[in-house]
ModelCIF file with pLDDT and N, C-alpha, C, O atoms, coordinates in Angstrom:
data_MODEL
#
_entry.id   MODEL 
#
_entity.id                         1 
_entity.type                       polymer 
_entity.pdbx_number_of_molecules   1 
#
_entity_poly.entity_id                      1 
_entity_poly.type                           'polypeptide(L)' 
_entity_poly.nstd_linkage                   no 
_entity_poly.nstd_monomer                   no 
_entity_poly.pdbx_seq_one_letter_code       VDITFFMSTLRFNPNLTYQLMLFFADELQVSEQKMGNMLQLPVKN 
_entity_poly.pdbx_seq_one_letter_code_can   VDITFFMSTLRFNPNLTYQLMLFFADELQVSEQKMGNMLQLPVKN 
_entity_poly.pdbx_strand_id                 A 
#
loop_
_entity_poly_seq.entity_id 
_entity_poly_seq.num 
_entity_poly_seq.mon_id 
_entity_poly_seq.hetero 
1 1  VAL n 
1 2  ASP n 
1 3  ILE n 
1 4  THR n 
1 5  PHE n 
1 6  PHE n 
1 7  MET n 
1 8  SER n 
1 9  THR n 
1 10 LEU n 
1 11 ARG n 
1 12 PHE n 
1 13 ASN n 
1 14 PRO n 
1 15 ASN n 
1 16 LEU n 
1 17 THR n 
1 18 TYR n 
1 19 GLN n 
1 20 LEU n 
1 21 MET n 
1 22 LEU n 
1 23 PHE n 
1 24 PHE n 
1 25 ALA n 
1 26 ASP n 
1 27 GLU n 
1 28 LEU n 
1 29 GLN n 
1 30 VAL n 
1 31 SER n 
1 32 GLU n 
1 33 GLN n 
1 34 LYS n 
1 35 MET n 
1 36 GLY n 
1 37 ASN n 
1 38 MET n 
1 39 LEU n 
1 40 GLN n 
1 41 LEU n 
1 42 PRO n 
1 43 VAL n 
1 44 LYS n 
1 45 ASN n 
#
_struct_asym.id          A 
_struct_asym.entity_id   1 
#
loop_
_ma_qa_metric.id 
_ma_qa_metric.mode 
_ma_qa_metric.name 
_ma_qa_metric.software_group_id 
_ma_qa_metric.type 
1 global pLDDT . pLDDT 
2 local  pLDDT . pLDDT 
#
_ma_qa_metric_global.metric_id      1 
_ma_qa_metric_global.metric_value   92.53 
_ma_qa_metric_global.model_id       1 
_ma_qa_metric_global.ordinal_id     1 
#
loop_
_ma_qa_metric_local.label_asym_id 
_ma_qa_metric_local.label_comp_id 
_ma_qa_metric_local.label_seq_id 
_ma_qa_metric_local.metric_id 
_ma_qa_metric_local.metric_value 
_ma_qa_metric_local.model_id 
_ma_qa_metric_local.ordinal_id 
A VAL 1  2 96.00 1 1  
A ASP 2  2 95.00 1 2  
A ILE 3  2 94.00 1 3  
A THR 4  2 94.00 1 4  
A PHE 5  2 97.00 1 5  
A PHE 6  2 96.00 1 6  
A MET 7  2 94.00 1 7  
A SER 8  2 96.00 1 8  
A THR 9  2 97.00 1 9  
A LEU 10 2 96.00 1 10 
A ARG 11 2 95.00 1 11 
A PHE 12 2 96.00 1 12 
A ASN 13 2 97.00 1 13 
A PRO 14 2 97.00 1 14 
A ASN 15 2 97.00 1 15 
A LEU 16 2 96.00 1 16 
A THR 17 2 96.00 1 17 
A TYR 18 2 97.00 1 18 
A GLN 19 2 96.00 1 19 
A LEU 20 2 95.00 1 20 
A MET 21 2 95.00 1 21 
A LEU 22 2 96.00 1 22 
A PHE 23 2 95.00 1 23 
A PHE 24 2 93.00 1 24 
A ALA 25 2 94.00 1 25 
A ASP 26 2 93.00 1 26 
A GLU 27 2 92.00 1 27 
A LEU 28 2 91.00 1 28 
A GLN 29 2 92.00 1 29 
A VAL 30 2 90.00 1 30 
A SER 31 2 89.00 1 31 
A GLU 32 2 90.00 1 32 
A GLN 33 2 88.00 1 33 
A LYS 34 2 87.00 1 34 
A MET 35 2 85.00 1 35 
A GLY 36 2 86.00 1 36 
A ASN 37 2 84.00 1 37 
A MET 38 2 82.00 1 38 
A LEU 39 2 80.00 1 39 
A GLN 40 2 84.00 1 40 
A LEU 41 2 88.00 1 41 
A PRO 42 2 92.00 1 42 
A VAL 43 2 93.00 1 43 
A LYS 44 2 94.00 1 44 
A ASN 45 2 94.00 1 45 
#
loop_
_atom_site.group_PDB 
_atom_site.id 
_atom_site.type_symbol 
_atom_site.label_atom_id 
_atom_site.label_alt_id 
_atom_site.label_comp_id 
_atom_site.label_asym_id 
_atom_site.label_entity_id 
_atom_site.label_seq_id 
_atom_site.pdbx_PDB_ins_code 
_atom_site.Cartn_x 
_atom_site.Cartn_y 
_atom_site.Cartn_z 
_atom_site.occupancy 
_atom_site.B_iso_or_equiv 
_atom_site.pdbx_formal_charge 
_atom_site.auth_seq_id 
_atom_site.auth_comp_id 
_atom_site.auth_asym_id 
_atom_site.auth_atom_id 
_atom_site.pdbx_PDB_model_num 
ATOM 1   N N  . VAL A 1 1  ? 12.809  -4.105 12.077 1.00 96.00 ? 1  VAL A N  1 
ATOM 2   C CA . VAL A 1 1  ? 14.173  -3.627 11.770 1.00 96.00 ? 1  VAL A CA 1 
ATOM 3   C C  . VAL A 1 1  ? 13.982  -1.974 11.430 1.00 96.00 ? 1  VAL A C  1 
ATOM 4   O O  . VAL A 1 1  ? 12.984  -1.268 11.290 1.00 96.00 ? 1  VAL A O  1 
ATOM 5   N N  . ASP A 1 2  ? 15.330  -1.733 11.373 1.00 95.00 ? 2  ASP A N  1 
ATOM 6   C CA . ASP A 1 2  ? 15.319  0.024  11.385 1.00 95.00 ? 2  ASP A CA 1 
ATOM 7   C C  . ASP A 1 2  ? 14.971  0.350  9.545  1.00 95.00 ? 2  ASP A C  1 
ATOM 8   O O  . ASP A 1 2  ? 14.760  -0.351 8.555  1.00 95.00 ? 2  ASP A O  1 
ATOM 9   N N  . ILE A 1 3  ? 15.055  1.581  9.798  1.00 94.00 ? 3  ILE A N  1 
ATOM 10  C CA . ILE A 1 3  ? 14.359  1.909  8.811  1.00 94.00 ? 3  ILE A CA 1 
ATOM 11  C C  . ILE A 1 3  ? 15.805  2.316  7.321  1.00 94.00 ? 3  ILE A C  1 
ATOM 12  O O  . ILE A 1 3  ? 15.720  2.433  6.098  1.00 94.00 ? 3  ILE A O  1 
ATOM 13  N N  . THR A 1 4  ? 16.933  2.405  8.281  1.00 94.00 ? 4  THR A N  1 
ATOM 14  C CA . THR A 1 4  ? 18.807  2.410  7.053  1.00 94.00 ? 4  THR A CA 1 
ATOM 15  C C  . THR A 1 4  ? 18.813  0.902  6.768  1.00 94.00 ? 4  THR A C  1 
ATOM 16  O O  . THR A 1 4  ? 19.542  0.516  5.855  1.00 94.00 ? 4  THR A O  1 
ATOM 17  N N  . PHE A 1 5  ? 18.214  0.168  7.325  1.00 97.00 ? 5  PHE A N  1 
ATOM 18  C CA . PHE A 1 5  ? 18.818  -1.428 7.220  1.00 97.00 ? 5  PHE A CA 1 
ATOM 19  C C  . PHE A 1 5  ? 17.159  -1.235 6.323  1.00 97.00 ? 5  PHE A C  1 
ATOM 20  O O  . PHE A 1 5  ? 17.476  -0.964 5.165  1.00 97.00 ? 5  PHE A O  1 
ATOM 21  N N  . PHE A 1 6  ? 16.258  -1.257 6.381  1.00 96.00 ? 6  PHE A N  1 
ATOM 22  C CA . PHE A 1 6  ? 15.367  -1.748 5.476  1.00 96.00 ? 6  PHE A CA 1 
ATOM 23  C C  . PHE A 1 6  ? 15.495  -1.064 3.922  1.00 96.00 ? 6  PHE A C  1 
ATOM 24  O O  . PHE A 1 6  ? 15.185  -1.704 2.917  1.00 96.00 ? 6  PHE A O  1 
ATOM 25  N N  . MET A 1 7  ? 16.014  0.371  3.879  1.00 94.00 ? 7  MET A N  1 
ATOM 26  C CA . MET A 1 7  ? 16.074  1.047  2.682  1.00 94.00 ? 7  MET A CA 1 
ATOM 27  C C  . MET A 1 7  ? 17.404  0.294  2.006  1.00 94.00 ? 7  MET A C  1 
ATOM 28  O O  . MET A 1 7  ? 17.485  0.747  0.864  1.00 94.00 ? 7  MET A O  1 
ATOM 29  N N  . SER A 1 8  ? 18.242  -0.454 2.184  1.00 96.00 ? 8  SER A N  1 
ATOM 30  C CA . SER A 1 8  ? 19.272  -1.127 1.785  1.00 96.00 ? 8  SER A CA 1 
ATOM 31  C C  . SER A 1 8  ? 19.023  -2.267 1.423  1.00 96.00 ? 8  SER A C  1 
ATOM 32  O O  . SER A 1 8  ? 19.828  -2.876 0.719  1.00 96.00 ? 8  SER A O  1 
ATOM 33  N N  . THR A 1 9  ? 18.069  -2.715 1.747  1.00 97.00 ? 9  THR A N  1 
ATOM 34  C CA . THR A 1 9  ? 17.287  -4.229 1.621  1.00 97.00 ? 9  THR A CA 1 
ATOM 35  C C  . THR A 1 9  ? 16.274  -3.970 0.675  1.00 97.00 ? 9  THR A C  1 
ATOM 36  O O  . THR A 1 9  ? 15.587  -4.964 0.438  1.00 97.00 ? 9  THR A O  1 
ATOM 37  N N  . LEU A 1 10 ? 16.026  -3.151 0.182  1.00 96.00 ? 10 LEU A N  1 
ATOM 38  C CA . LEU A 1 10 ? 14.819  -2.000 -0.701 1.00 96.00 ? 10 LEU A CA 1 
ATOM 39  C C  . LEU A 1 10 ? 16.286  -2.145 -1.969 1.00 96.00 ? 10 LEU A C  1 
ATOM 40  O O  . LEU A 1 10 ? 16.117  -2.952 -2.883 1.00 96.00 ? 10 LEU A O  1 
ATOM 41  N N  . ARG A 1 11 ? 17.109  -1.653 -1.943 1.00 95.00 ? 11 ARG A N  1 
ATOM 42  C CA . ARG A 1 11 ? 18.096  -1.476 -2.903 1.00 95.00 ? 11 ARG A CA 1 
ATOM 43  C C  . ARG A 1 11 ? 18.488  -2.766 -3.589 1.00 95.00 ? 11 ARG A C  1 
ATOM 44  O O  . ARG A 1 11 ? 18.288  -2.916 -4.794 1.00 95.00 ? 11 ARG A O  1 
ATOM 45  N N  . PHE A 1 12 ? 19.171  -3.912 -2.665 1.00 96.00 ? 12 PHE A N  1 
ATOM 46  C CA . PHE A 1 12 ? 19.721  -4.762 -2.737 1.00 96.00 ? 12 PHE A CA 1 
ATOM 47  C C  . PHE A 1 12 ? 18.739  -6.174 -3.259 1.00 96.00 ? 12 PHE A C  1 
ATOM 48  O O  . PHE A 1 12 ? 19.365  -7.183 -3.582 1.00 96.00 ? 12 PHE A O  1 
ATOM 49  N N  . ASN A 1 13 ? 17.521  -6.190 -3.311 1.00 97.00 ? 13 ASN A N  1 
ATOM 50  C CA . ASN A 1 13 ? 16.156  -6.651 -3.419 1.00 97.00 ? 13 ASN A CA 1 
ATOM 51  C C  . ASN A 1 13 ? 15.571  -5.950 -4.151 1.00 97.00 ? 13 ASN A C  1 
ATOM 52  O O  . ASN A 1 13 ? 14.827  -4.997 -3.920 1.00 97.00 ? 13 ASN A O  1 
ATOM 53  N N  . PRO A 1 14 ? 15.968  -6.511 -5.277 1.00 97.00 ? 14 PRO A N  1 
ATOM 54  C CA . PRO A 1 14 ? 14.542  -5.553 -6.281 1.00 97.00 ? 14 PRO A CA 1 
ATOM 55  C C  . PRO A 1 14 ? 13.271  -6.331 -6.493 1.00 97.00 ? 14 PRO A C  1 
ATOM 56  O O  . PRO A 1 14 ? 12.240  -5.867 -6.982 1.00 97.00 ? 14 PRO A O  1 
ATOM 57  N N  . ASN A 1 15 ? 13.481  -7.746 -6.010 1.00 97.00 ? 15 ASN A N  1 
ATOM 58  C CA . ASN A 1 15 ? 11.772  -8.685 -6.129 1.00 97.00 ? 15 ASN A CA 1 
ATOM 59  C C  . ASN A 1 15 ? 11.277  -7.926 -5.059 1.00 97.00 ? 15 ASN A C  1 
ATOM 60  O O  . ASN A 1 15 ? 10.089  -7.640 -5.202 1.00 97.00 ? 15 ASN A O  1 
ATOM 61  N N  . LEU A 1 16 ? 11.923  -7.408 -3.792 1.00 96.00 ? 16 LEU A N  1 
ATOM 62  C CA . LEU A 1 16 ? 11.094  -6.960 -2.537 1.00 96.00 ? 16 LEU A CA 1 
ATOM 63  C C  . LEU A 1 16 ? 10.652  -5.534 -2.966 1.00 96.00 ? 16 LEU A C  1 
ATOM 64  O O  . LEU A 1 16 ? 9.486   -5.296 -2.648 1.00 96.00 ? 16 LEU A O  1 
ATOM 65  N N  . THR A 1 17 ? 11.285  -4.545 -3.599 1.00 96.00 ? 17 THR A N  1 
ATOM 66  C CA . THR A 1 17 ? 10.808  -3.353 -4.030 1.00 96.00 ? 17 THR A CA 1 
ATOM 67  C C  . THR A 1 17 ? 9.929   -3.598 -4.774 1.00 96.00 ? 17 THR A C  1 
ATOM 68  O O  . THR A 1 17 ? 8.923   -2.928 -4.541 1.00 96.00 ? 17 THR A O  1 
ATOM 69  N N  . TYR A 1 18 ? 9.792   -4.749 -6.161 1.00 97.00 ? 18 TYR A N  1 
ATOM 70  C CA . TYR A 1 18 ? 8.764   -4.481 -6.769 1.00 97.00 ? 18 TYR A CA 1 
ATOM 71  C C  . TYR A 1 18 ? 7.556   -5.148 -5.996 1.00 97.00 ? 18 TYR A C  1 
ATOM 72  O O  . TYR A 1 18 ? 6.467   -4.825 -6.472 1.00 97.00 ? 18 TYR A O  1 
ATOM 73  N N  . GLN A 1 19 ? 7.509   -5.836 -5.127 1.00 96.00 ? 19 GLN A N  1 
ATOM 74  C CA . GLN A 1 19 ? 6.441   -6.308 -4.562 1.00 96.00 ? 19 GLN A CA 1 
ATOM 75  C C  . GLN A 1 19 ? 6.006   -5.525 -3.294 1.00 96.00 ? 19 GLN A C  1 
ATOM 76  O O  . GLN A 1 19 ? 4.892   -5.741 -2.817 1.00 96.00 ? 19 GLN A O  1 
ATOM 77  N N  . LEU A 1 20 ? 6.881   -4.587 -2.711 1.00 95.00 ? 20 LEU A N  1 
ATOM 78  C CA . LEU A 1 20 ? 6.372   -3.291 -2.610 1.00 95.00 ? 20 LEU A CA 1 
ATOM 79  C C  . LEU A 1 20 ? 5.300   -2.712 -3.266 1.00 95.00 ? 20 LEU A C  1 
ATOM 80  O O  . LEU A 1 20 ? 4.167   -2.591 -2.800 1.00 95.00 ? 20 LEU A O  1 
ATOM 81  N N  . MET A 1 21 ? 5.653   -2.381 -4.280 1.00 95.00 ? 21 MET A N  1 
ATOM 82  C CA . MET A 1 21 ? 5.189   -1.310 -5.261 1.00 95.00 ? 21 MET A CA 1 
ATOM 83  C C  . MET A 1 21 ? 3.515   -2.032 -5.411 1.00 95.00 ? 21 MET A C  1 
ATOM 84  O O  . MET A 1 21 ? 2.466   -1.501 -5.045 1.00 95.00 ? 21 MET A O  1 
ATOM 85  N N  . LEU A 1 22 ? 3.629   -2.917 -5.839 1.00 96.00 ? 22 LEU A N  1 
ATOM 86  C CA . LEU A 1 22 ? 2.265   -3.806 -5.877 1.00 96.00 ? 22 LEU A CA 1 
ATOM 87  C C  . LEU A 1 22 ? 1.669   -3.439 -4.963 1.00 96.00 ? 22 LEU A C  1 
ATOM 88  O O  . LEU A 1 22 ? 0.752   -2.619 -5.005 1.00 96.00 ? 22 LEU A O  1 
ATOM 89  N N  . PHE A 1 23 ? 2.105   -4.001 -3.966 1.00 95.00 ? 23 PHE A N  1 
ATOM 90  C CA . PHE A 1 23 ? 1.591   -3.544 -2.374 1.00 95.00 ? 23 PHE A CA 1 
ATOM 91  C C  . PHE A 1 23 ? 1.101   -2.618 -2.011 1.00 95.00 ? 23 PHE A C  1 
ATOM 92  O O  . PHE A 1 23 ? -0.111  -2.725 -1.822 1.00 95.00 ? 23 PHE A O  1 
ATOM 93  N N  . PHE A 1 24 ? 1.648   -1.451 -1.767 1.00 93.00 ? 24 PHE A N  1 
ATOM 94  C CA . PHE A 1 24 ? 1.122   0.000  -2.019 1.00 93.00 ? 24 PHE A CA 1 
ATOM 95  C C  . PHE A 1 24 ? -0.003  0.298  -3.067 1.00 93.00 ? 24 PHE A C  1 
ATOM 96  O O  . PHE A 1 24 ? -1.062  0.720  -2.603 1.00 93.00 ? 24 PHE A O  1 
ATOM 97  N N  . ALA A 1 25 ? 0.093   0.131  -4.422 1.00 94.00 ? 25 ALA A N  1 
ATOM 98  C CA . ALA A 1 25 ? -0.779  -0.192 -4.969 1.00 94.00 ? 25 ALA A CA 1 
ATOM 99  C C  . ALA A 1 25 ? -2.295  -0.513 -4.572 1.00 94.00 ? 25 ALA A C  1 
ATOM 100 O O  . ALA A 1 25 ? -3.248  0.256  -4.695 1.00 94.00 ? 25 ALA A O  1 
ATOM 101 N N  . ASP A 1 26 ? -2.305  -1.559 -4.170 1.00 93.00 ? 26 ASP A N  1 
ATOM 102 C CA . ASP A 1 26 ? -3.579  -2.488 -3.861 1.00 93.00 ? 26 ASP A CA 1 
ATOM 103 C C  . ASP A 1 26 ? -3.901  -1.765 -2.767 1.00 93.00 ? 26 ASP A C  1 
ATOM 104 O O  . ASP A 1 26 ? -5.123  -1.667 -2.655 1.00 93.00 ? 26 ASP A O  1 
ATOM 105 N N  . GLU A 1 27 ? -3.108  -1.056 -1.659 1.00 92.00 ? 27 GLU A N  1 
ATOM 106 C CA . GLU A 1 27 ? -3.440  -0.671 -1.005 1.00 92.00 ? 27 GLU A CA 1 
ATOM 107 C C  . GLU A 1 27 ? -3.847  0.768  -0.572 1.00 92.00 ? 27 GLU A C  1 
ATOM 108 O O  . GLU A 1 27 ? -4.039  1.031  0.615  1.00 92.00 ? 27 GLU A O  1 
ATOM 109 N N  . LEU A 1 28 ? -3.987  1.797  -1.675 1.00 91.00 ? 28 LEU A N  1 
ATOM 110 C CA . LEU A 1 28 ? -4.167  2.557  -2.071 1.00 91.00 ? 28 LEU A CA 1 
ATOM 111 C C  . LEU A 1 28 ? -5.571  2.395  -2.777 1.00 91.00 ? 28 LEU A C  1 
ATOM 112 O O  . LEU A 1 28 ? -6.448  3.128  -2.318 1.00 91.00 ? 28 LEU A O  1 
ATOM 113 N N  . GLN A 1 29 ? -5.880  1.681  -3.666 1.00 92.00 ? 29 GLN A N  1 
ATOM 114 C CA . GLN A 1 29 ? -6.604  1.439  -4.262 1.00 92.00 ? 29 GLN A CA 1 
ATOM 115 C C  . GLN A 1 29 ? -8.509  1.145  -2.968 1.00 92.00 ? 29 GLN A C  1 
ATOM 116 O O  . GLN A 1 29 ? -9.627  1.636  -2.820 1.00 92.00 ? 29 GLN A O  1 
ATOM 117 N N  . VAL A 1 30 ? -7.686  0.109  -2.457 1.00 90.00 ? 30 VAL A N  1 
ATOM 118 C CA . VAL A 1 30 ? -8.521  -0.046 -1.256 1.00 90.00 ? 30 VAL A CA 1 
ATOM 119 C C  . VAL A 1 30 ? -9.054  1.118  0.007  1.00 90.00 ? 30 VAL A C  1 
ATOM 120 O O  . VAL A 1 30 ? -10.065 1.164  0.708  1.00 90.00 ? 30 VAL A O  1 
ATOM 121 N N  . SER A 1 31 ? -7.744  2.057  -0.116 1.00 89.00 ? 31 SER A N  1 
ATOM 122 C CA . SER A 1 31 ? -8.057  3.454  0.300  1.00 89.00 ? 31 SER A CA 1 
ATOM 123 C C  . SER A 1 31 ? -9.404  4.405  -0.070 1.00 89.00 ? 31 SER A C  1 
ATOM 124 O O  . SER A 1 31 ? -10.310 4.999  0.514  1.00 89.00 ? 31 SER A O  1 
ATOM 125 N N  . GLU A 1 32 ? -8.929  4.150  -1.412 1.00 90.00 ? 32 GLU A N  1 
ATOM 126 C CA . GLU A 1 32 ? -10.141 5.352  -2.328 1.00 90.00 ? 32 GLU A CA 1 
ATOM 127 C C  . GLU A 1 32 ? -11.268 4.831  -2.418 1.00 90.00 ? 32 GLU A C  1 
ATOM 128 O O  . GLU A 1 32 ? -12.286 5.522  -2.458 1.00 90.00 ? 32 GLU A O  1 
ATOM 129 N N  . GLN A 1 33 ? -11.284 3.369  -2.469 1.00 88.00 ? 33 GLN A N  1 
ATOM 130 C CA . GLN A 1 33 ? -12.223 2.600  -2.232 1.00 88.00 ? 33 GLN A CA 1 
ATOM 131 C C  . GLN A 1 33 ? -13.117 3.154  -1.134 1.00 88.00 ? 33 GLN A C  1 
ATOM 132 O O  . GLN A 1 33 ? -14.014 3.964  -1.368 1.00 88.00 ? 33 GLN A O  1 
ATOM 133 N N  . LYS A 1 34 ? -12.844 2.696  0.031  1.00 87.00 ? 34 LYS A N  1 
ATOM 134 C CA . LYS A 1 34 ? -13.628 3.268  1.440  1.00 87.00 ? 34 LYS A CA 1 
ATOM 135 C C  . LYS A 1 34 ? -13.714 4.873  1.746  1.00 87.00 ? 34 LYS A C  1 
ATOM 136 O O  . LYS A 1 34 ? -14.404 5.440  2.594  1.00 87.00 ? 34 LYS A O  1 
ATOM 137 N N  . MET A 1 35 ? -12.937 5.351  0.936  1.00 85.00 ? 35 MET A N  1 
ATOM 138 C CA . MET A 1 35 ? -13.070 7.049  0.976  1.00 85.00 ? 35 MET A CA 1 
ATOM 139 C C  . MET A 1 35 ? -14.583 7.439  0.093  1.00 85.00 ? 35 MET A C  1 
ATOM 140 O O  . MET A 1 35 ? -15.435 8.279  0.382  1.00 85.00 ? 35 MET A O  1 
ATOM 141 N N  . GLY A 1 36 ? -14.533 6.580  -0.949 1.00 86.00 ? 36 GLY A N  1 
ATOM 142 C CA . GLY A 1 36 ? -15.681 6.689  -1.825 1.00 86.00 ? 36 GLY A CA 1 
ATOM 143 C C  . GLY A 1 36 ? -16.800 6.398  -0.993 1.00 86.00 ? 36 GLY A C  1 
ATOM 144 O O  . GLY A 1 36 ? -17.663 7.274  -0.928 1.00 86.00 ? 36 GLY A O  1 
ATOM 145 N N  . ASN A 1 37 ? -17.006 5.078  -0.175 1.00 84.00 ? 37 ASN A N  1 
ATOM 146 C CA . ASN A 1 37 ? -17.921 4.518  0.126  1.00 84.00 ? 37 ASN A CA 1 
ATOM 147 C C  . ASN A 1 37 ? -18.410 5.257  1.005  1.00 84.00 ? 37 ASN A C  1 
ATOM 148 O O  . ASN A 1 37 ? -19.603 5.527  0.864  1.00 84.00 ? 37 ASN A O  1 
ATOM 149 N N  . MET A 1 38 ? -17.621 5.885  2.300  1.00 82.00 ? 38 MET A N  1 
ATOM 150 C CA . MET A 1 38 ? -18.005 7.105  2.668  1.00 82.00 ? 38 MET A CA 1 
ATOM 151 C C  . MET A 1 38 ? -18.933 8.031  2.592  1.00 82.00 ? 38 MET A C  1 
ATOM 152 O O  . MET A 1 38 ? -19.946 8.326  3.227  1.00 82.00 ? 38 MET A O  1 
ATOM 153 N N  . LEU A 1 39 ? -18.288 8.476  1.554  1.00 80.00 ? 39 LEU A N  1 
ATOM 154 C CA . LEU A 1 39 ? -19.407 10.251 1.142  1.00 80.00 ? 39 LEU A CA 1 
ATOM 155 C C  . LEU A 1 39 ? -20.486 9.688  -0.090 1.00 80.00 ? 39 LEU A C  1 
ATOM 156 O O  . LEU A 1 39 ? -21.251 10.528 -0.565 1.00 80.00 ? 39 LEU A O  1 
ATOM 157 N N  . GLN A 1 40 ? -20.563 7.941  -0.726 1.00 84.00 ? 40 GLN A N  1 
ATOM 158 C CA . GLN A 1 40 ? -21.327 7.708  -1.136 1.00 84.00 ? 40 GLN A CA 1 
ATOM 159 C C  . GLN A 1 40 ? -22.494 6.692  -0.864 1.00 84.00 ? 40 GLN A C  1 
ATOM 160 O O  . GLN A 1 40 ? -23.497 6.622  -1.573 1.00 84.00 ? 40 GLN A O  1 
ATOM 161 N N  . LEU A 1 41 ? -22.234 5.850  0.328  1.00 88.00 ? 41 LEU A N  1 
ATOM 162 C CA . LEU A 1 41 ? -23.002 4.720  0.437  1.00 88.00 ? 41 LEU A CA 1 
ATOM 163 C C  . LEU A 1 41 ? -23.438 4.823  1.866  1.00 88.00 ? 41 LEU A C  1 
ATOM 164 O O  . LEU A 1 41 ? -22.638 5.303  2.669  1.00 88.00 ? 41 LEU A O  1 
ATOM 165 N N  . PRO A 1 42 ? -24.617 4.424  2.272  1.00 92.00 ? 42 PRO A N  1 
ATOM 166 C CA . PRO A 1 42 ? -25.383 4.553  3.617  1.00 92.00 ? 42 PRO A CA 1 
ATOM 167 C C  . PRO A 1 42 ? -24.376 3.289  4.360  1.00 92.00 ? 42 PRO A C  1 
ATOM 168 O O  . PRO A 1 42 ? -23.702 2.371  3.894  1.00 92.00 ? 42 PRO A O  1 
ATOM 169 N N  . VAL A 1 43 ? -24.695 3.820  5.867  1.00 93.00 ? 43 VAL A N  1 
ATOM 170 C CA . VAL A 1 43 ? -23.969 2.729  6.538  1.00 93.00 ? 43 VAL A CA 1 
ATOM 171 C C  . VAL A 1 43 ? -24.097 1.499  6.403  1.00 93.00 ? 43 VAL A C  1 
ATOM 172 O O  . VAL A 1 43 ? -23.137 0.857  6.830  1.00 93.00 ? 43 VAL A O  1 
ATOM 173 N N  . LYS A 1 44 ? -25.292 0.656  5.775  1.00 94.00 ? 44 LYS A N  1 
ATOM 174 C CA . LYS A 1 44 ? -25.569 -0.735 5.699  1.00 94.00 ? 44 LYS A CA 1 
ATOM 175 C C  . LYS A 1 44 ? -24.730 -1.337 4.642  1.00 94.00 ? 44 LYS A C  1 
ATOM 176 O O  . LYS A 1 44 ? -24.112 -2.398 4.724  1.00 94.00 ? 44 LYS A O  1 
ATOM 177 N N  . ASN A 1 45 ? -24.806 -0.248 3.297  1.00 94.00 ? 45 ASN A N  1 
ATOM 178 C CA . ASN A 1 45 ? -23.752 -0.910 2.412  1.00 94.00 ? 45 ASN A CA 1 
ATOM 179 C C  . ASN A 1 45 ? -22.153 -0.680 3.014  1.00 94.00 ? 45 ASN A C  1 
ATOM 180 O O  . ASN A 1 45 ? -21.191 -1.155 2.410  1.00 94.00 ? 45 ASN A O  1 
#
């Protein structure tokens, strides 16, 4: 779906906006953990 329609979908569907916010938060946590692992852990870990 194109970006204009998707943004309209977010405005008219607050539950989708809420769930997307939670998804972004979860994804950020995993990304930060991965980056921390790359700096602190050996490859096997």
